[in-house]
Amino acid sequence: MRTPRLNVLFHDGTQSAEAFGRYDAIVLHGQPAISEAEVALLASQTSRFVLSADLPWKDRALVSRWAEQHGFAVHDIKWQGAFVFE
């Protein structure tokens, strides 16, 4: 989704992460499974992850841990509610 002020990618694991551009935020949703390598690749295209409420708990934990270890912002909708980009 691109607006004049905001560029957000909704990623469900069905697209190749290598083909993406630069995003203000990447929303991860409905992932079948995500690896640390894929998180690192996605992180090269954003500074912020948003975890949707339907993301499996293992993926939620992996992305949250990775983001914390590497200094990336992460917002978990399941636990923190709606995400507001500021």
PDB file of N, CA and C in Angstrom:
ATOM      1  N   MET A   1       0.847  -1.167   0.000  1.00  0.00           N
ATOM      2  CA  MET A   1       0.000   0.000   0.000  1.00  0.00           C
ATOM      3  C   MET A   1       0.895   1.233   0.000  1.00  0.00           C
ATOM      4  N   ARG A   2       0.672   2.113  -0.942  1.00  0.00           N
ATOM      5  CA  ARG A   2       1.475   3.326  -1.040  1.00  0.00           C
ATOM      6  C   ARG A   2       0.541   4.528  -1.040  1.00  0.00           C
ATOM      7  N   THR A   3       0.836   5.479  -0.176  1.00  0.00           N
ATOM      8  CA  THR A   3       0.143   6.757  -0.167  1.00  0.00           C
ATOM      9  C   THR A   3       1.206   7.825  -0.389  1.00  0.00           C
ATOM     10  N   PRO A   4       0.812   9.082  -0.572  1.00  0.00           N
ATOM     11  CA  PRO A   4       1.839  10.114  -0.766  1.00  0.00           C
ATOM     12  C   PRO A   4       2.814  10.216   0.409  1.00  0.00           C
ATOM     13  N   ARG A   5       2.382   9.823   1.603  1.00  0.00           N
ATOM     14  CA  ARG A   5       3.245   9.951   2.780  1.00  0.00           C
ATOM     15  C   ARG A   5       3.754   8.629   3.342  1.00  0.00           C
ATOM     16  N   LEU A   6       3.236   7.522   2.882  1.00  0.00           N
ATOM     17  CA  LEU A   6       3.521   6.253   3.543  1.00  0.00           C
ATOM     18  C   LEU A   6       3.600   5.111   2.539  1.00  0.00           C
ATOM     19  N   ASN A   7       4.582   4.249   2.708  1.00  0.00           N
ATOM     20  CA  ASN A   7       4.749   3.083   1.844  1.00  0.00           C
ATOM     21  C   ASN A   7       4.841   1.849   2.747  1.00  0.00           C
ATOM     22  N   VAL A   8       3.812   1.003   2.724  1.00  0.00           N
ATOM     23  CA  VAL A   8       3.723  -0.159   3.608  1.00  0.00           C
ATOM     24  C   VAL A   8       3.581  -1.420   2.771  1.00  0.00           C
ATOM     25  N   LEU A   9       4.319  -2.460   3.150  1.00  0.00           N
ATOM     26  CA  LEU A   9       4.208  -3.757   2.499  1.00  0.00           C
ATOM     27  C   LEU A   9       3.471  -4.716   3.426  1.00  0.00           C
ATOM     28  N   PHE A  10       2.441  -5.384   2.904  1.00  0.00           N
ATOM     29  CA  PHE A  10       1.752  -6.448   3.631  1.00  0.00           C
ATOM     30  C   PHE A  10       2.321  -7.758   3.100  1.00  0.00           C
ATOM     31  N   HIS A  11       3.087  -8.442   3.935  1.00  0.00           N
ATOM     32  CA  HIS A  11       3.829  -9.629   3.498  1.00  0.00           C
ATOM     33  C   HIS A  11       3.256 -10.878   4.166  1.00  0.00           C
ATOM     34  N   ASP A  12       2.814 -11.831   3.328  1.00  0.00           N
ATOM     35  CA  ASP A  12       2.252 -13.075   3.872  1.00  0.00           C
ATOM     36  C   ASP A  12       3.100 -14.292   3.537  1.00  0.00           C
ATOM     37  N   GLY A  13       4.297 -14.045   3.028  1.00  0.00           N
ATOM     38  CA  GLY A  13       5.197 -15.150   2.734  1.00  0.00           C
ATOM     39  C   GLY A  13       5.037 -15.737   1.349  1.00  0.00           C
ATOM     40  N   THR A  14       4.046 -15.271   0.583  1.00  0.00           N
ATOM     41  CA  THR A  14       3.850 -15.844  -0.747  1.00  0.00           C
ATOM     42  C   THR A  14       4.676 -15.137  -1.820  1.00  0.00           C
ATOM     43  N   GLN A  15       5.165 -13.935  -1.523  1.00  0.00           N
ATOM     44  CA  GLN A  15       6.000 -13.226  -2.478  1.00  0.00           C
ATOM     45  C   GLN A  15       7.473 -13.417  -2.117  1.00  0.00           C
ATOM     46  N   SER A  16       8.327 -13.243  -3.083  1.00  0.00           N
ATOM     47  CA  SER A  16       9.761 -13.321  -2.837  1.00  0.00           C
ATOM     48  C   SER A  16      10.219 -12.009  -2.216  1.00  0.00           C
ATOM     49  N   ALA A  17      10.830 -12.072  -1.067  1.00  0.00           N
ATOM     50  CA  ALA A  17      11.280 -10.871  -0.361  1.00  0.00           C
ATOM     51  C   ALA A  17      12.375 -10.143  -1.126  1.00  0.00           C
ATOM     52  N   GLU A  18      13.053 -10.819  -2.027  1.00  0.00           N
ATOM     53  CA  GLU A  18      14.148 -10.204  -2.762  1.00  0.00           C
ATOM     54  C   GLU A  18      13.676  -9.151  -3.762  1.00  0.00           C
ATOM     55  N   ALA A  19      12.425  -9.187  -4.150  1.00  0.00           N
ATOM     56  CA  ALA A  19      11.923  -8.292  -5.193  1.00  0.00           C
ATOM     57  C   ALA A  19      11.365  -6.982  -4.639  1.00  0.00           C
ATOM     58  N   PHE A  20      11.420  -6.786  -3.343  1.00  0.00           N
ATOM     59  CA  PHE A  20      10.803  -5.622  -2.725  1.00  0.00           C
ATOM     60  C   PHE A  20      11.697  -4.394  -2.801  1.00  0.00           C
ATOM     61  N   GLY A  21      11.105  -3.248  -2.474  1.00  0.00           N
ATOM     62  CA  GLY A  21      11.839  -1.991  -2.421  1.00  0.00           C
ATOM     63  C   GLY A  21      12.045  -1.562  -0.978  1.00  0.00           C
ATOM     64  N   ARG A  22      11.986  -0.264  -0.729  1.00  0.00           N
ATOM     65  CA  ARG A  22      12.154   0.289   0.612  1.00  0.00           C
ATOM     66  C   ARG A  22      10.779   0.670   1.145  1.00  0.00           C
ATOM     67  N   TYR A  23      10.496   0.306   2.414  1.00  0.00           N
ATOM     68  CA  TYR A  23       9.182   0.520   3.003  1.00  0.00           C
ATOM     69  C   TYR A  23       9.287   1.209   4.350  1.00  0.00           C
ATOM     70  N   ASP A  24       8.269   2.013   4.672  1.00  0.00           N
ATOM     71  CA  ASP A  24       8.190   2.643   5.987  1.00  0.00           C
ATOM     72  C   ASP A  24       7.899   1.595   7.062  1.00  0.00           C
ATOM     73  N   ALA A  25       7.143   0.578   6.700  1.00  0.00           N
ATOM     74  CA  ALA A  25       6.819  -0.523   7.609  1.00  0.00           C
ATOM     75  C   ALA A  25       6.488  -1.761   6.783  1.00  0.00           C
ATOM     76  N   ILE A  26       6.772  -2.914   7.357  1.00  0.00           N
ATOM     77  CA  ILE A  26       6.374  -4.183   6.748  1.00  0.00           C
ATOM     78  C   ILE A  26       5.461  -4.895   7.740  1.00  0.00           C
ATOM     79  N   VAL A  27       4.242  -5.185   7.287  1.00  0.00           N
ATOM     80  CA  VAL A  27       3.265  -5.890   8.101  1.00  0.00           C
ATOM     81  C   VAL A  27       3.366  -7.372   7.758  1.00  0.00           C
ATOM     82  N   LEU A  28       3.665  -8.185   8.753  1.00  0.00           N
ATOM     83  CA  LEU A  28       3.740  -9.635   8.561  1.00  0.00           C
ATOM     84  C   LEU A  28       2.414 -10.237   9.005  1.00  0.00           C
ATOM     85  N   HIS A  29       1.812 -11.020   8.105  1.00  0.00           N
ATOM     86  CA  HIS A  29       0.516 -11.628   8.439  1.00  0.00           C
ATOM     87  C   HIS A  29       0.395 -12.984   7.767  1.00  0.00           C
ATOM     88  N   GLY A  30      -0.316 -13.890   8.424  1.00  0.00           N
ATOM     89  CA  GLY A  30      -0.642 -15.184   7.846  1.00  0.00           C
ATOM     90  C   GLY A  30       0.542 -16.005   7.363  1.00  0.00           C
ATOM     91  N   GLN A  31       1.725 -15.743   7.880  1.00  0.00           N
ATOM     92  CA  GLN A  31       2.928 -16.461   7.448  1.00  0.00           C
ATOM     93  C   GLN A  31       2.799 -17.958   7.734  1.00  0.00           C
ATOM     94  N   PRO A  32       3.176 -18.798   6.792  1.00  0.00           N
ATOM     95  CA  PRO A  32       3.231 -20.225   7.094  1.00  0.00           C
ATOM     96  C   PRO A  32       4.385 -20.525   8.050  1.00  0.00           C
ATOM     97  N   ALA A  33       5.514 -19.917   7.828  1.00  0.00           N
ATOM     98  CA  ALA A  33       6.682 -20.003   8.712  1.00  0.00           C
ATOM     99  C   ALA A  33       7.689 -19.000   8.173  1.00  0.00           C
ATOM    100  N   ILE A  34       8.384 -18.339   9.065  1.00  0.00           N
ATOM    101  CA  ILE A  34       9.378 -17.354   8.647  1.00  0.00           C
ATOM    102  C   ILE A  34      10.712 -17.725   9.273  1.00  0.00           C
ATOM    103  N   SER A  35      11.771 -17.540   8.539  1.00  0.00           N
ATOM    104  CA  SER A  35      13.105 -17.867   9.043  1.00  0.00           C
ATOM    105  C   SER A  35      13.838 -16.591   9.426  1.00  0.00           C
ATOM    106  N   GLU A  36      14.897 -16.740  10.212  1.00  0.00           N
ATOM    107  CA  GLU A  36      15.718 -15.584  10.567  1.00  0.00           C
ATOM    108  C   GLU A  36      16.318 -14.946   9.322  1.00  0.00           C
ATOM    109  N   ALA A  37      16.677 -15.767   8.337  1.00  0.00           N
ATOM    110  CA  ALA A  37      17.247 -15.236   7.098  1.00  0.00           C
ATOM    111  C   ALA A  37      16.229 -14.359   6.370  1.00  0.00           C
ATOM    112  N   GLU A  38      14.971 -14.776   6.356  1.00  0.00           N
ATOM    113  CA  GLU A  38      13.935 -13.972   5.695  1.00  0.00           C
ATOM    114  C   GLU A  38      13.682 -12.682   6.463  1.00  0.00           C
ATOM    115  N   VAL A  39      13.691 -12.750   7.797  1.00  0.00           N
ATOM    116  CA  VAL A  39      13.525 -11.539   8.605  1.00  0.00           C
ATOM    117  C   VAL A  39      14.659 -10.564   8.305  1.00  0.00           C
ATOM    118  N   ALA A  40      15.879 -11.071   8.232  1.00  0.00           N
ATOM    119  CA  ALA A  40      17.036 -10.216   7.929  1.00  0.00           C
ATOM    120  C   ALA A  40      16.900  -9.586   6.545  1.00  0.00           C
ATOM    121  N   LEU A  41      16.437 -10.343   5.578  1.00  0.00           N
ATOM    122  CA  LEU A  41      16.251  -9.816   4.228  1.00  0.00           C
ATOM    123  C   LEU A  41      15.171  -8.725   4.218  1.00  0.00           C
ATOM    124  N   LEU A  42      14.068  -8.973   4.893  1.00  0.00           N
ATOM    125  CA  LEU A  42      13.013  -7.969   4.989  1.00  0.00           C
ATOM    126  C   LEU A  42      13.507  -6.731   5.736  1.00  0.00           C
ATOM    127  N   ALA A  43      14.314  -6.938   6.756  1.00  0.00           N
ATOM    128  CA  ALA A  43      14.827  -5.821   7.549  1.00  0.00           C
ATOM    129  C   ALA A  43      15.711  -4.892   6.721  1.00  0.00           C
ATOM    130  N   SER A  44      16.307  -5.410   5.671  1.00  0.00           N
ATOM    131  CA  SER A  44      17.132  -4.560   4.820  1.00  0.00           C
ATOM    132  C   SER A  44      16.284  -3.572   4.020  1.00  0.00           C
ATOM    133  N   GLN A  45      14.955  -3.727   4.104  1.00  0.00           N
ATOM    134  CA  GLN A  45      14.044  -2.894   3.333  1.00  0.00           C
ATOM    135  C   GLN A  45      13.132  -2.033   4.205  1.00  0.00           C
ATOM    136  N   THR A  46      13.351  -2.059   5.534  1.00  0.00           N
ATOM    137  CA  THR A  46      12.511  -1.278   6.446  1.00  0.00           C
ATOM    138  C   THR A  46      13.262  -1.071   7.758  1.00  0.00           C
ATOM    139  N   SER A  47      12.682  -0.279   8.628  1.00  0.00           N
ATOM    140  CA  SER A  47      13.210  -0.144   9.985  1.00  0.00           C
ATOM    141  C   SER A  47      12.139  -0.517  11.000  1.00  0.00           C
ATOM    142  N   ARG A  48      10.981  -0.991  10.499  1.00  0.00           N
ATOM    143  CA  ARG A  48       9.854  -1.252  11.380  1.00  0.00           C
ATOM    144  C   ARG A  48       9.036  -2.435  10.898  1.00  0.00           C
ATOM    145  N   PHE A  49       8.765  -3.353  11.828  1.00  0.00           N
ATOM    146  CA  PHE A  49       7.879  -4.488  11.558  1.00  0.00           C
ATOM    147  C   PHE A  49       6.589  -4.318  12.342  1.00  0.00           C
ATOM    148  N   VAL A  50       5.493  -4.701  11.724  1.00  0.00           N
ATOM    149  CA  VAL A  50       4.197  -4.762  12.397  1.00  0.00           C
ATOM    150  C   VAL A  50       3.732  -6.205  12.285  1.00  0.00           C
ATOM    151  N   LEU A  51       3.397  -6.802  13.424  1.00  0.00           N
ATOM    152  CA  LEU A  51       2.962  -8.203  13.463  1.00  0.00           C
ATOM    153  C   LEU A  51       1.444  -8.236  13.596  1.00  0.00           C
ATOM    154  N   SER A  52       0.773  -8.817  12.607  1.00  0.00           N
ATOM    155  CA  SER A  52      -0.690  -8.882  12.651  1.00  0.00           C
ATOM    156  C   SER A  52      -1.143  -9.906  13.687  1.00  0.00           C
ATOM    157  N   ALA A  53      -2.396  -9.802  14.060  1.00  0.00           N
ATOM    158  CA  ALA A  53      -2.944 -10.694  15.082  1.00  0.00           C
ATOM    159  C   ALA A  53      -2.996 -12.147  14.625  1.00  0.00           C
ATOM    160  N   ASP A  54      -3.001 -12.404  13.292  1.00  0.00           N
ATOM    161  CA  ASP A  54      -3.100 -13.787  12.809  1.00  0.00           C
ATOM    162  C   ASP A  54      -1.733 -14.458  12.610  1.00  0.00           C
ATOM    163  N   LEU A  55      -0.662 -13.780  12.950  1.00  0.00           N
ATOM    164  CA  LEU A  55       0.670 -14.367  12.805  1.00  0.00           C
ATOM    165  C   LEU A  55       0.858 -15.476  13.849  1.00  0.00           C
ATOM    166  N   PRO A  56       1.306 -16.667  13.451  1.00  0.00           N
ATOM    167  CA  PRO A  56       1.512 -17.754  14.418  1.00  0.00           C
ATOM    168  C   PRO A  56       2.487 -17.346  15.527  1.00  0.00           C
ATOM    169  N   TRP A  57       2.289 -17.888  16.711  1.00  0.00           N
ATOM    170  CA  TRP A  57       3.067 -17.466  17.873  1.00  0.00           C
ATOM    171  C   TRP A  57       4.562 -17.695  17.711  1.00  0.00           C
ATOM    172  N   LYS A  58       4.970 -18.777  17.052  1.00  0.00           N
ATOM    173  CA  LYS A  58       6.400 -19.031  16.873  1.00  0.00           C
ATOM    174  C   LYS A  58       7.041 -17.959  15.994  1.00  0.00           C
ATOM    175  N   ASP A  59       6.346 -17.570  14.938  1.00  0.00           N
ATOM    176  CA  ASP A  59       6.860 -16.518  14.058  1.00  0.00           C
ATOM    177  C   ASP A  59       6.869 -15.176  14.774  1.00  0.00           C
ATOM    178  N   ARG A  60       5.830 -14.923  15.557  1.00  0.00           N
ATOM    179  CA  ARG A  60       5.743 -13.689  16.354  1.00  0.00           C
ATOM    180  C   ARG A  60       6.940 -13.588  17.301  1.00  0.00           C
ATOM    181  N   ALA A  61       7.255 -14.684  17.967  1.00  0.00           N
ATOM    182  CA  ALA A  61       8.379 -14.702  18.904  1.00  0.00           C
ATOM    183  C   ALA A  61       9.713 -14.532  18.172  1.00  0.00           C
ATOM    184  N   LEU A  62       9.869 -15.216  17.042  1.00  0.00           N
ATOM    185  CA  LEU A  62      11.121 -15.132  16.284  1.00  0.00           C
ATOM    186  C   LEU A  62      11.364 -13.707  15.792  1.00  0.00           C
ATOM    187  N   VAL A  63      10.363 -13.085  15.190  1.00  0.00           N
ATOM    188  CA  VAL A  63      10.527 -11.727  14.663  1.00  0.00           C
ATOM    189  C   VAL A  63      10.752 -10.730  15.798  1.00  0.00           C
ATOM    190  N   SER A  64      10.006 -10.860  16.874  1.00  0.00           N
ATOM    191  CA  SER A  64      10.174  -9.953  18.020  1.00  0.00           C
ATOM    192  C   SER A  64      11.579 -10.053  18.594  1.00  0.00           C
ATOM    193  N   ARG A  65      12.057 -11.255  18.783  1.00  0.00           N
ATOM    194  CA  ARG A  65      13.404 -11.474  19.327  1.00  0.00           C
ATOM    195  C   ARG A  65      14.464 -10.924  18.374  1.00  0.00           C
ATOM    196  N   TRP A  66      14.324 -11.231  17.079  1.00  0.00           N
ATOM    197  CA  TRP A  66      15.294 -10.765  16.091  1.00  0.00           C
ATOM    198  C   TRP A  66      15.323  -9.235  16.066  1.00  0.00           C
ATOM    199  N   ALA A  67      14.148  -8.609  16.033  1.00  0.00           N
ATOM    200  CA  ALA A  67      14.058  -7.149  15.977  1.00  0.00           C
ATOM    201  C   ALA A  67      14.703  -6.512  17.203  1.00  0.00           C
ATOM    202  N   GLU A  68      14.453  -7.075  18.367  1.00  0.00           N
ATOM    203  CA  GLU A  68      15.048  -6.540  19.597  1.00  0.00           C
ATOM    204  C   GLU A  68      16.579  -6.664  19.567  1.00  0.00           C
ATOM    205  N   GLN A  69      17.079  -7.799  19.131  1.00  0.00           N
ATOM    206  CA  GLN A  69      18.526  -8.026  19.076  1.00  0.00           C
ATOM    207  C   GLN A  69      19.229  -7.123  18.074  1.00  0.00           C
ATOM    208  N   HIS A  70      18.510  -6.698  17.028  1.00  0.00           N
ATOM    209  CA  HIS A  70      19.126  -5.919  15.955  1.00  0.00           C
ATOM    210  C   HIS A  70      18.678  -4.457  15.924  1.00  0.00           C
ATOM    211  N   GLY A  71      17.948  -4.019  16.937  1.00  0.00           N
ATOM    212  CA  GLY A  71      17.570  -2.614  17.053  1.00  0.00           C
ATOM    213  C   GLY A  71      16.481  -2.142  16.104  1.00  0.00           C
ATOM    214  N   PHE A  72      15.585  -3.032  15.720  1.00  0.00           N
ATOM    215  CA  PHE A  72      14.476  -2.668  14.839  1.00  0.00           C
ATOM    216  C   PHE A  72      13.204  -2.476  15.659  1.00  0.00           C
ATOM    217  N   ALA A  73      12.388  -1.539  15.229  1.00  0.00           N
ATOM    218  CA  ALA A  73      11.097  -1.325  15.876  1.00  0.00           C
ATOM    219  C   ALA A  73      10.156  -2.456  15.481  1.00  0.00           C
ATOM    220  N   VAL A  74       9.367  -2.920  16.449  1.00  0.00           N
ATOM    221  CA  VAL A  74       8.367  -3.948  16.167  1.00  0.00           C
ATOM    222  C   VAL A  74       7.110  -3.619  16.970  1.00  0.00           C
ATOM    223  N   HIS A  75       5.955  -3.709  16.310  1.00  0.00           N
ATOM    224  CA  HIS A  75       4.673  -3.458  16.965  1.00  0.00           C
ATOM    225  C   HIS A  75       3.823  -4.717  16.789  1.00  0.00           C
ATOM    226  N   ASP A  76       3.386  -5.284  17.902  1.00  0.00           N
ATOM    227  CA  ASP A  76       2.583  -6.503  17.882  1.00  0.00           C
ATOM    228  C   ASP A  76       1.117  -6.136  18.115  1.00  0.00           C
ATOM    229  N   ILE A  77       0.326  -6.197  17.064  1.00  0.00           N
ATOM    230  CA  ILE A  77      -1.081  -5.805  17.146  1.00  0.00           C
ATOM    231  C   ILE A  77      -1.841  -6.668  18.142  1.00  0.00           C
ATOM    232  N   LYS A  78      -1.486  -7.933  18.250  1.00  0.00           N
ATOM    233  CA  LYS A  78      -2.194  -8.838  19.166  1.00  0.00           C
ATOM    234  C   LYS A  78      -2.078  -8.359  20.612  1.00  0.00           C
ATOM    235  N   TRP A  79      -0.933  -7.835  20.987  1.00  0.00           N
ATOM    236  CA  TRP A  79      -0.695  -7.435  22.379  1.00  0.00           C
ATOM    237  C   TRP A  79      -0.729  -5.930  22.584  1.00  0.00           C
ATOM    238  N   GLN A  80      -0.478  -5.147  21.541  1.00  0.00           N
ATOM    239  CA  GLN A  80      -0.399  -3.701  21.697  1.00  0.00           C
ATOM    240  C   GLN A  80      -1.563  -2.952  21.040  1.00  0.00           C
ATOM    241  N   GLY A  81      -2.421  -3.655  20.343  1.00  0.00           N
ATOM    242  CA  GLY A  81      -3.547  -3.015  19.689  1.00  0.00           C
ATOM    243  C   GLY A  81      -3.161  -2.388  18.360  1.00  0.00           C
ATOM    244  N   ALA A  82      -4.020  -1.541  17.855  1.00  0.00           N
ATOM    245  CA  ALA A  82      -3.842  -0.943  16.533  1.00  0.00           C
ATOM    246  C   ALA A  82      -2.517  -0.217  16.415  1.00  0.00           C
ATOM    247  N   PHE A  83      -1.944  -0.296  15.239  1.00  0.00           N
ATOM    248  CA  PHE A  83      -0.680   0.376  14.950  1.00  0.00           C
ATOM    249  C   PHE A  83      -0.974   1.745  14.344  1.00  0.00           C
ATOM    250  N   VAL A  84      -0.363   2.773  14.905  1.00  0.00           N
ATOM    251  CA  VAL A  84      -0.484   4.126  14.380  1.00  0.00           C
ATOM    252  C   VAL A  84       0.904   4.575  13.986  1.00  0.00           C
ATOM    253  N   PHE A  85       1.084   4.881  12.723  1.00  0.00           N
ATOM    254  CA  PHE A  85       2.382   5.318  12.229  1.00  0.00           C
ATOM    255  C   PHE A  85       2.581   6.787  12.588  1.00  0.00           C
ATOM    256  N   GLU A  86       3.662   7.063  13.312  1.00  0.00           N
ATOM    257  CA  GLU A  86       3.946   8.449  13.698  1.00  0.00           C
ATOM    258  C   GLU A  86       5.301   8.842  13.220  1.00  0.00           C
TER     259      GLU A  86
END
